C-alpha atoms as a PDB file:
ATOM      1  CA  MET A   1       0.080   0.074  -0.104  1.00  0.00           C
ATOM      2  CA  GLU A   2       1.709   2.646  -1.374  1.00  0.00           C
ATOM      3  CA  LEU A   3       0.984   5.754   1.281  1.00  0.00           C
ATOM      4  CA  LYS A   4       1.243   9.441   1.728  1.00  0.00           C
ATOM      5  CA  GLN A   5       4.449  11.330   3.041  1.00  0.00           C
ATOM      6  CA  PHE A   6       5.032  14.381   4.687  1.00  0.00           C
ATOM      7  CA  THR A   7       7.874  15.680   7.035  1.00  0.00           C
ATOM      8  CA  GLY A   8       9.392  16.466   9.716  1.00  0.00           C
ATOM      9  CA  GLU A   9      12.355  18.267  12.253  1.00  0.00           C
ATOM     10  CA  ILE A  10      13.048  17.131  15.183  1.00  0.00           C
ATOM     11  CA  ARG A  11      13.239  19.466  18.385  1.00  0.00           C
ATOM     12  CA  ASN A  12      15.553  18.795  21.305  1.00  0.00           C
ATOM     13  CA  ASP A  13      13.560  21.748  23.331  1.00  0.00           C
ATOM     14  CA  THR A  14      10.356  20.573  25.215  1.00  0.00           C
ATOM     15  CA  GLY A  15       7.733  22.746  26.795  1.00  0.00           C
ATOM     16  CA  LYS A  16       4.829  25.411  26.448  1.00  0.00           C
ATOM     17  CA  GLU A  17       7.441  28.055  26.324  1.00  0.00           C
ATOM     18  CA  ALA A  18       9.417  25.434  23.238  1.00  0.00           C
ATOM     19  CA  ALA A  19       6.049  25.034  21.715  1.00  0.00           C
ATOM     20  CA  ARG A  20       5.160  28.854  21.852  1.00  0.00           C
ATOM     21  CA  ARG A  21       8.714  29.324  20.274  1.00  0.00           C
ATOM     22  CA  THR A  22       8.220  27.399  17.486  1.00  0.00           C
ATOM     23  CA  ARG A  23       4.408  28.400  16.697  1.00  0.00           C
ATOM     24  CA  LYS A  24       5.621  31.965  16.205  1.00  0.00           C
ATOM     25  CA  ALA A  25       8.185  30.218  14.019  1.00  0.00           C
ATOM     26  CA  GLY A  26       5.466  29.314  11.785  1.00  0.00           C
ATOM     27  CA  ARG A  27       5.757  25.105  12.427  1.00  0.00           C
ATOM     28  CA  VAL A  28       3.398  22.974  14.511  1.00  0.00           C
ATOM     29  CA  PRO A  29       5.144  20.798  17.863  1.00  0.00           C
ATOM     30  CA  ALA A  30       4.313  17.367  17.628  1.00  0.00           C
ATOM     31  CA  VAL A  31       5.218  14.355  19.559  1.00  0.00           C
ATOM     32  CA  LEU A  32       6.386  11.045  18.017  1.00  0.00           C
ATOM     33  CA  TYR A  33       5.738   8.130  20.405  1.00  0.00           C
ATOM     34  CA  GLY A  34       5.839   4.323  19.894  1.00  0.00           C
ATOM     35  CA  GLY A  35       7.100   2.553  17.267  1.00  0.00           C
ATOM     36  CA  ASP A  36      11.642   1.540  17.564  1.00  0.00           C
ATOM     37  CA  LEU A  37      11.888   5.459  20.200  1.00  0.00           C
ATOM     38  CA  GLU A  38      13.337   4.608  23.565  1.00  0.00           C
ATOM     39  CA  GLY A  39      10.678   7.493  24.364  1.00  0.00           C
ATOM     40  CA  PRO A  40       8.429  10.101  23.091  1.00  0.00           C
ATOM     41  CA  GLN A  41      10.561  12.324  20.238  1.00  0.00           C
ATOM     42  CA  ALA A  42       9.682  16.139  19.614  1.00  0.00           C
ATOM     43  CA  LEU A  43       8.949  17.285  16.173  1.00  0.00           C
ATOM     44  CA  SER A  44       8.349  20.338  14.789  1.00  0.00           C
ATOM     45  CA  LEU A  45       5.563  20.207  11.101  1.00  0.00           C
ATOM     46  CA  ASP A  46       4.797  22.068   8.305  1.00  0.00           C
ATOM     47  CA  PRO A  47       1.165  23.201   9.207  1.00  0.00           C
ATOM     48  CA  LYS A  48       1.266  23.450   4.849  1.00  0.00           C
ATOM     49  CA  ASP A  49       1.097  20.043   4.761  1.00  0.00           C
ATOM     50  CA  MET A  50       0.089  18.464   7.616  1.00  0.00           C
ATOM     51  CA  MET A  51      -4.128  20.920   7.836  1.00  0.00           C
ATOM     52  CA  PRO A  52      -4.880  18.375   4.539  1.00  0.00           C
ATOM     53  CA  LEU A  53      -3.755  15.596   6.292  1.00  0.00           C
ATOM     54  CA  VAL A  54      -5.745  16.169   9.948  1.00  0.00           C
ATOM     55  CA  VAL A  55      -8.559  17.831   7.808  1.00  0.00           C
ATOM     56  CA  ARG A  56      -9.646  15.152   4.920  1.00  0.00           C
ATOM     57  CA  GLU A  57      -7.976  12.038   6.026  1.00  0.00           C
ATOM     58  CA  ASN A  58      -8.666  12.851   9.651  1.00  0.00           C
ATOM     59  CA  LYS A  59      -7.463  10.018  12.433  1.00  0.00           C
ATOM     60  CA  GLY A  60      -6.995   6.394  11.965  1.00  0.00           C
ATOM     61  CA  ARG A  61      -4.613   7.187   8.782  1.00  0.00           C
ATOM     62  CA  MET A  62      -1.632   5.333   7.935  1.00  0.00           C
ATOM     63  CA  PHE A  63       1.242   8.033   6.437  1.00  0.00           C
ATOM     64  CA  GLU A  64       5.031   7.556   6.260  1.00  0.00           C
ATOM     65  CA  LEU A  65       6.920  10.447   8.839  1.00  0.00           C
ATOM     66  CA  VAL A  66       9.901  11.699   6.742  1.00  0.00           C
ATOM     67  CA  LEU A  67      12.792  12.250   9.816  1.00  0.00           C
ATOM     68  CA  GLY A  68      15.919  13.315   7.819  1.00  0.00           C
ATOM     69  CA  GLU A  69      17.122   9.800   6.325  1.00  0.00           C
ATOM     70  CA  LYS A  70      15.055   7.142   8.668  1.00  0.00           C
ATOM     71  CA  THR A  71      11.073   6.953   7.497  1.00  0.00           C
ATOM     72  CA  HIS A  72       8.390   6.167  10.847  1.00  0.00           C
ATOM     73  CA  GLN A  73       4.921   4.798   9.184  1.00  0.00           C
ATOM     74  CA  VAL A  74       3.017   6.826  12.033  1.00  0.00           C
ATOM     75  CA  PHE A  75      -0.570   6.758  12.168  1.00  0.00           C
ATOM     76  CA  ILE A  76      -2.324  10.454  13.638  1.00  0.00           C
ATOM     77  CA  LYS A  77      -3.256   9.862  16.690  1.00  0.00           C
ATOM     78  CA  ASP A  78      -4.772  13.027  17.953  1.00  0.00           C
ATOM     79  CA  PHE A  79      -4.317  16.748  17.210  1.00  0.00           C
ATOM     80  CA  GLN A  80      -5.893  20.010  18.396  1.00  0.00           C
ATOM     81  CA  THR A  81      -7.042  23.523  16.656  1.00  0.00           C
ATOM     82  CA  HIS A  82      -6.854  26.970  17.927  1.00  0.00           C
ATOM     83  CA  PRO A  83     -10.596  27.907  19.254  1.00  0.00           C
ATOM     84  CA  ILE A  84     -10.120  30.759  17.889  1.00  0.00           C
ATOM     85  CA  ARG A  85      -8.187  30.834  14.589  1.00  0.00           C
ATOM     86  CA  LYS A  86      -9.273  27.059  13.263  1.00  0.00           C
ATOM     87  CA  SER A  87      -5.354  26.789  12.690  1.00  0.00           C
ATOM     88  CA  LEU A  88      -3.391  23.536  14.122  1.00  0.00           C
ATOM     89  CA  TYR A  89      -2.021  24.189  17.758  1.00  0.00           C
ATOM     90  CA  HIS A  90      -0.400  19.986  17.828  1.00  0.00           C
ATOM     91  CA  VAL A  91      -0.108  16.532  16.500  1.00  0.00           C
ATOM     92  CA  ASP A  92      -0.071  13.462  18.556  1.00  0.00           C
ATOM     93  CA  LEU A  93       1.329  11.288  15.943  1.00  0.00           C
ATOM     94  CA  LEU A  94       1.995   7.266  16.538  1.00  0.00           C
ATOM     95  CA  ALA A  95       4.760   5.153  15.306  1.00  0.00           C
ATOM     96  CA  ILE A  96       4.039   1.600  14.192  1.00  0.00           C
ATOM     97  CA  LYS A  97       6.490  -1.809  13.850  1.00  0.00           C
ATOM     98  CA  ALA A  98       5.355  -4.374  11.240  1.00  0.00           C
ATOM     99  CA  ASP A  99       5.662  -7.459  13.053  1.00  0.00           C
ATOM    100  CA  ARG A 100       2.778  -5.908  15.621  1.00  0.00           C
ATOM    101  CA  PRO A 101      -0.780  -5.452  15.647  1.00  0.00           C
ATOM    102  CA  ILE A 102      -2.569  -1.643  15.617  1.00  0.00           C
ATOM    103  CA  ARG A 103      -5.893  -0.796  16.881  1.00  0.00           C
ATOM    104  CA  ALA A 104      -7.520   2.284  15.548  1.00  0.00           C
ATOM    105  CA  LYS A 105     -10.617   4.147  13.957  1.00  0.00           C
ATOM    106  CA  VAL A 106     -10.991   3.691  10.610  1.00  0.00           C
ATOM    107  CA  PRO A 107     -13.618   5.188   8.318  1.00  0.00           C
ATOM    108  CA  LEU A 108     -16.478   3.581   6.829  1.00  0.00           C
ATOM    109  CA  SER A 109     -17.666   4.593   2.652  1.00  0.00           C
ATOM    110  CA  PHE A 110     -21.437   4.603   1.980  1.00  0.00           C
ATOM    111  CA  GLN A 111     -22.160   2.462  -1.099  1.00  0.00           C
ATOM    112  CA  GLY A 112     -25.775   3.044  -2.287  1.00  0.00           C
ATOM    113  CA  PRO A 113     -28.635   3.935  -2.805  1.00  0.00           C
ATOM    114  CA  ALA A 114     -30.026   1.353  -0.550  1.00  0.00           C
ATOM    115  CA  LEU A 115     -33.510  -0.726  -1.687  1.00  0.00           C
ATOM    116  CA  GLY A 116     -35.394   0.970   0.788  1.00  0.00           C
ATOM    117  CA  GLU A 117     -34.735   4.562  -0.586  1.00  0.00           C
ATOM    118  CA  LYS A 118     -36.418   3.148  -4.048  1.00  0.00           C
ATOM    119  CA  LEU A 119     -39.504   2.911  -1.593  1.00  0.00           C
ATOM    120  CA  GLY A 120     -39.466   6.461   0.086  1.00  0.00           C
ATOM    121  CA  GLY A 121     -37.198   4.653   3.390  1.00  0.00           C
ATOM    122  CA  ARG A 122     -34.306   6.843   4.643  1.00  0.00           C
ATOM    123  CA  VAL A 123     -30.873   5.776   5.522  1.00  0.00           C
ATOM    124  CA  PHE A 124     -29.835   6.732   8.867  1.00  0.00           C
ATOM    125  CA  LYS A 125     -26.370   6.328   9.379  1.00  0.00           C
ATOM    126  CA  VAL A 126     -25.383   5.485  13.088  1.00  0.00           C
ATOM    127  CA  ALA A 127     -21.646   4.782  13.492  1.00  0.00           C
ATOM    128  CA  TYR A 128     -18.788   6.814  10.582  1.00  0.00           C
ATOM    129  CA  ASP A 129     -15.903   4.527  12.134  1.00  0.00           C
ATOM    130  CA  ILE A 130     -15.320   1.844  13.377  1.00  0.00           C
ATOM    131  CA  LEU A 131     -12.315   0.343  15.152  1.00  0.00           C
ATOM    132  CA  VAL A 132     -10.293  -2.674  14.300  1.00  0.00           C
ATOM    133  CA  GLU A 133      -7.304  -3.820  14.848  1.00  0.00           C
ATOM    134  CA  ALA A 134      -4.852  -5.714  12.094  1.00  0.00           C
ATOM    135  CA  LEU A 135      -1.149  -5.612  11.214  1.00  0.00           C
ATOM    136  CA  PRO A 136       0.015  -2.712   9.481  1.00  0.00           C
ATOM    137  CA  GLU A 137      -0.057  -4.918   6.310  1.00  0.00           C
ATOM    138  CA  HIS A 138      -3.840  -5.657   6.327  1.00  0.00           C
ATOM    139  CA  PHE A 139      -4.959  -2.120   7.952  1.00  0.00           C
ATOM    140  CA  PRO A 140      -7.436  -1.072   6.286  1.00  0.00           C
ATOM    141  CA  ALA A 141      -7.691   2.905   4.251  1.00  0.00           C
ATOM    142  CA  MET A 142     -11.261   2.399   4.757  1.00  0.00           C
ATOM    143  CA  ILE A 143     -14.374   0.439   5.399  1.00  0.00           C
ATOM    144  CA  HIS A 144     -16.405  -0.262   2.225  1.00  0.00           C
ATOM    145  CA  ILE A 145     -20.845  -0.807   3.551  1.00  0.00           C
ATOM    146  CA  ASP A 146     -22.986  -1.801   0.511  1.00  0.00           C
ATOM    147  CA  LEU A 147     -26.606  -0.227   0.996  1.00  0.00           C
ATOM    148  CA  ARG A 148     -27.748  -1.346  -2.310  1.00  0.00           C
ATOM    149  CA  GLU A 149     -29.681  -4.403  -0.702  1.00  0.00           C
ATOM    150  CA  MET A 150     -30.521  -3.067   2.453  1.00  0.00           C
ATOM    151  CA  ASP A 151     -34.735  -2.726   2.059  1.00  0.00           C
ATOM    152  CA  SER A 152     -36.660  -0.199   4.540  1.00  0.00           C
ATOM    153  CA  GLY A 153     -36.655  -2.477   7.930  1.00  0.00           C
ATOM    154  CA  ASP A 154     -33.550  -3.576   7.583  1.00  0.00           C
ATOM    155  CA  VAL A 155     -30.237  -3.024  10.057  1.00  0.00           C
ATOM    156  CA  LEU A 156     -26.621  -3.523   9.740  1.00  0.00           C
ATOM    157  CA  TYR A 157     -24.923  -4.416  12.860  1.00  0.00           C
ATOM    158  CA  VAL A 158     -21.193  -4.390  13.641  1.00  0.00           C
ATOM    159  CA  ASP A 159     -20.982  -7.749  13.400  1.00  0.00           C
ATOM    160  CA  GLN A 160     -22.681  -8.525  10.153  1.00  0.00           C
ATOM    161  CA  VAL A 161     -20.350  -5.569   8.026  1.00  0.00           C
ATOM    162  CA  SER A 162     -17.850  -7.328   5.919  1.00  0.00           C
ATOM    163  CA  TYR A 163     -13.794  -6.846   6.940  1.00  0.00           C
ATOM    164  CA  THR A 164     -11.017  -7.610   4.468  1.00  0.00           C
ATOM    165  CA  GLU A 165      -8.624 -10.437   5.602  1.00  0.00           C
ATOM    166  CA  GLY A 166      -6.703 -10.248   8.901  1.00  0.00           C
ATOM    167  CA  VAL A 167      -8.978  -7.533   9.731  1.00  0.00           C
ATOM    168  CA  THR A 168     -11.129  -7.744  13.292  1.00  0.00           C
ATOM    169  CA  PRO A 169     -13.512  -5.357  14.775  1.00  0.00           C
ATOM    170  CA  ILE A 170     -13.298  -4.013  18.157  1.00  0.00           C
ATOM    171  CA  TYR A 171     -16.842  -3.972  20.421  1.00  0.00           C
ATOM    172  CA  GLN A 172     -17.809  -4.515  23.308  1.00  0.00           C
ATOM    173  CA  ALA A 173     -21.780  -4.587  22.636  1.00  0.00           C
ATOM    174  CA  ARG A 174     -23.371  -5.561  19.047  1.00  0.00           C
ATOM    175  CA  TYR A 175     -24.516  -2.055  17.148  1.00  0.00           C
ATOM    176  CA  PRO A 176     -25.642  -0.518  14.690  1.00  0.00           C
ATOM    177  CA  VAL A 177     -23.372   0.727  11.929  1.00  0.00           C
ATOM    178  CA  VAL A 178     -26.595   1.971   9.928  1.00  0.00           C
ATOM    179  CA  LEU A 179     -30.326   1.295   9.382  1.00  0.00           C
ATOM    180  CA  VAL A 180     -32.863   1.949   6.257  1.00  0.00           C
ATOM    181  CA  LYS A 181     -36.758   3.089   7.828  1.00  0.00           C
ATOM    182  CA  MET A 182     -39.097   4.602   6.533  1.00  0.00           C
ATOM    183  CA  PRO A 183     -40.494   8.208   7.862  1.00  0.00           C
ATOM    184  CA  ARG A 184     -42.006   8.945  10.726  1.00  0.00           C
ATOM    185  CA  GLY A 185     -45.950   8.646  10.190  1.00  0.00           C
ATOM    186  CA  GLN A 186     -45.816   7.622   6.566  1.00  0.00           C
ATOM    187  CA  ASP A 187     -46.043   3.774   8.231  1.00  0.00           C
ATOM    188  CA  ALA A 188     -49.104   4.914   9.165  1.00  0.00           C
ATOM    189  CA  GLU A 189     -50.515   6.404   6.449  1.00  0.00           C
ATOM    190  CA  GLU A 190     -49.394   3.699   3.999  1.00  0.00           C
ATOM    191  CA  GLU A 191     -51.349   1.189   7.509  1.00  0.00           C
ATOM    192  CA  ALA A 192     -54.695   4.369   6.979  1.00  0.00           C
ATOM    193  CA  SER A 193     -54.430   3.716   3.020  1.00  0.00           C
ATOM    194  CA  VAL A 194     -54.266  -0.525   3.264  1.00  0.00           C
ATOM    195  CA  ASP A 195     -56.908  -0.760   6.284  1.00  0.00           C
ATOM    196  CA  ASP A 196     -59.288   1.841   3.113  1.00  0.00           C
ATOM    197  CA  ASP A 197     -58.469  -0.709   0.919  1.00  0.00           C
ATOM    198  CA  GLU A 198     -59.866  -3.518   2.991  1.00  0.00           C
ATOM    199  CA  ASP A 199     -63.059  -2.388   3.988  1.00  0.00           C
ATOM    200  CA  GLU A 200     -64.426  -0.701   0.554  1.00  0.00           C
ATOM    201  CA  GLU A 201     -63.440  -3.658  -1.031  1.00  0.00           C
ATOM    202  CA  GLY A 202     -65.514  -5.392   2.315  1.00  0.00           C
ATOM    203  CA  ALA A 203     -68.743  -3.401   1.394  1.00  0.00           C
ATOM    204  CA  GLY A 204     -68.306  -4.545  -1.973  1.00  0.00           C
ATOM    205  CA  GLU A 205     -69.183  -7.796  -1.568  1.00  0.00           C
ATOM    206  CA  GLY A 206     -71.413  -7.132   1.348  1.00  0.00           C
ATOM    207  CA  GLY A 207     -74.088  -4.981  -0.868  1.00  0.00           C
ATOM    208  CA  ASP A 208     -73.114  -7.550  -4.123  1.00  0.00           C
ATOM    209  CA  GLY A 209     -74.495 -10.940  -1.360  1.00  0.00           C
ATOM    210  CA  GLU A 210     -77.518  -8.689   0.045  1.00  0.00           C
ATOM    211  CA  THR A 211     -78.847  -8.579  -3.679  1.00  0.00           C
ATOM    212  CA  GLY A 212     -78.229 -12.028  -4.650  1.00  0.00           C
ATOM    213  CA  THR A 213     -80.848 -12.562  -1.744  1.00  0.00           C
ATOM    214  CA  ASP A 214     -83.356 -10.729  -2.961  1.00  0.00           C
END
C-alpha cells in the first residue's frame, strides 16, 4: 500500500515555551511515540503539509513521516486546533512496527443508494468509523459499506460488516452501523390506506351478497 508522506524536524527543546516558539516560527509542535523509539520525540511539522491530512484524512490513517534519513510509518493519534483561529495547534503521532498489530478507528464509506430509498425510505448512519485491529500490512484505509441490498426496516450491525482479510473489529456490544427506515408518519399513512382499501372491498362484497338474496 502506497502511503502519503510528510516531513518533520526533530526538536531538542520541550515544554510550553518551546512549543510557543515553534508556533511563532510558523511550525506546528508535535510528539512522536511508539515504534523503536526509546521515548517520546519532540518534532515540528509544516502546517501546509499537515492541515490537508488532518482535515481530509483525519485520525486513523497511516502515513510515512520522513525525519532526515529515517522514515517512520505513523498514525495521526490526535491533534488540536486553535479555538478561534482554527489553525493547527499540536499533533500526536504514533509510530508503528510491521510485526505489531494496530488498533485504531477506520472511517466508513457508504455505497448506495439503498433498496429501501427507492420506496421512500431513508438511510440513517449511526456510525462513521469502526475500531479494528490488524497488522500494518492488512490495516485498511477505509471500510466499505454496501447499502444497495438494504430494504426498509433493515439494520446492519458491526459484526455483519464485511472486513478484509486480517482485520478484526473491536467492540463490547453489538451496535448498529446503519439502518433504513420509512420517515415518521409514513408507515401509519400506508397502514391507513391499506385498511381503507380493505373496507371498500368488504363493503362491495357485502352489497353483492344482499342483492343476491333478494
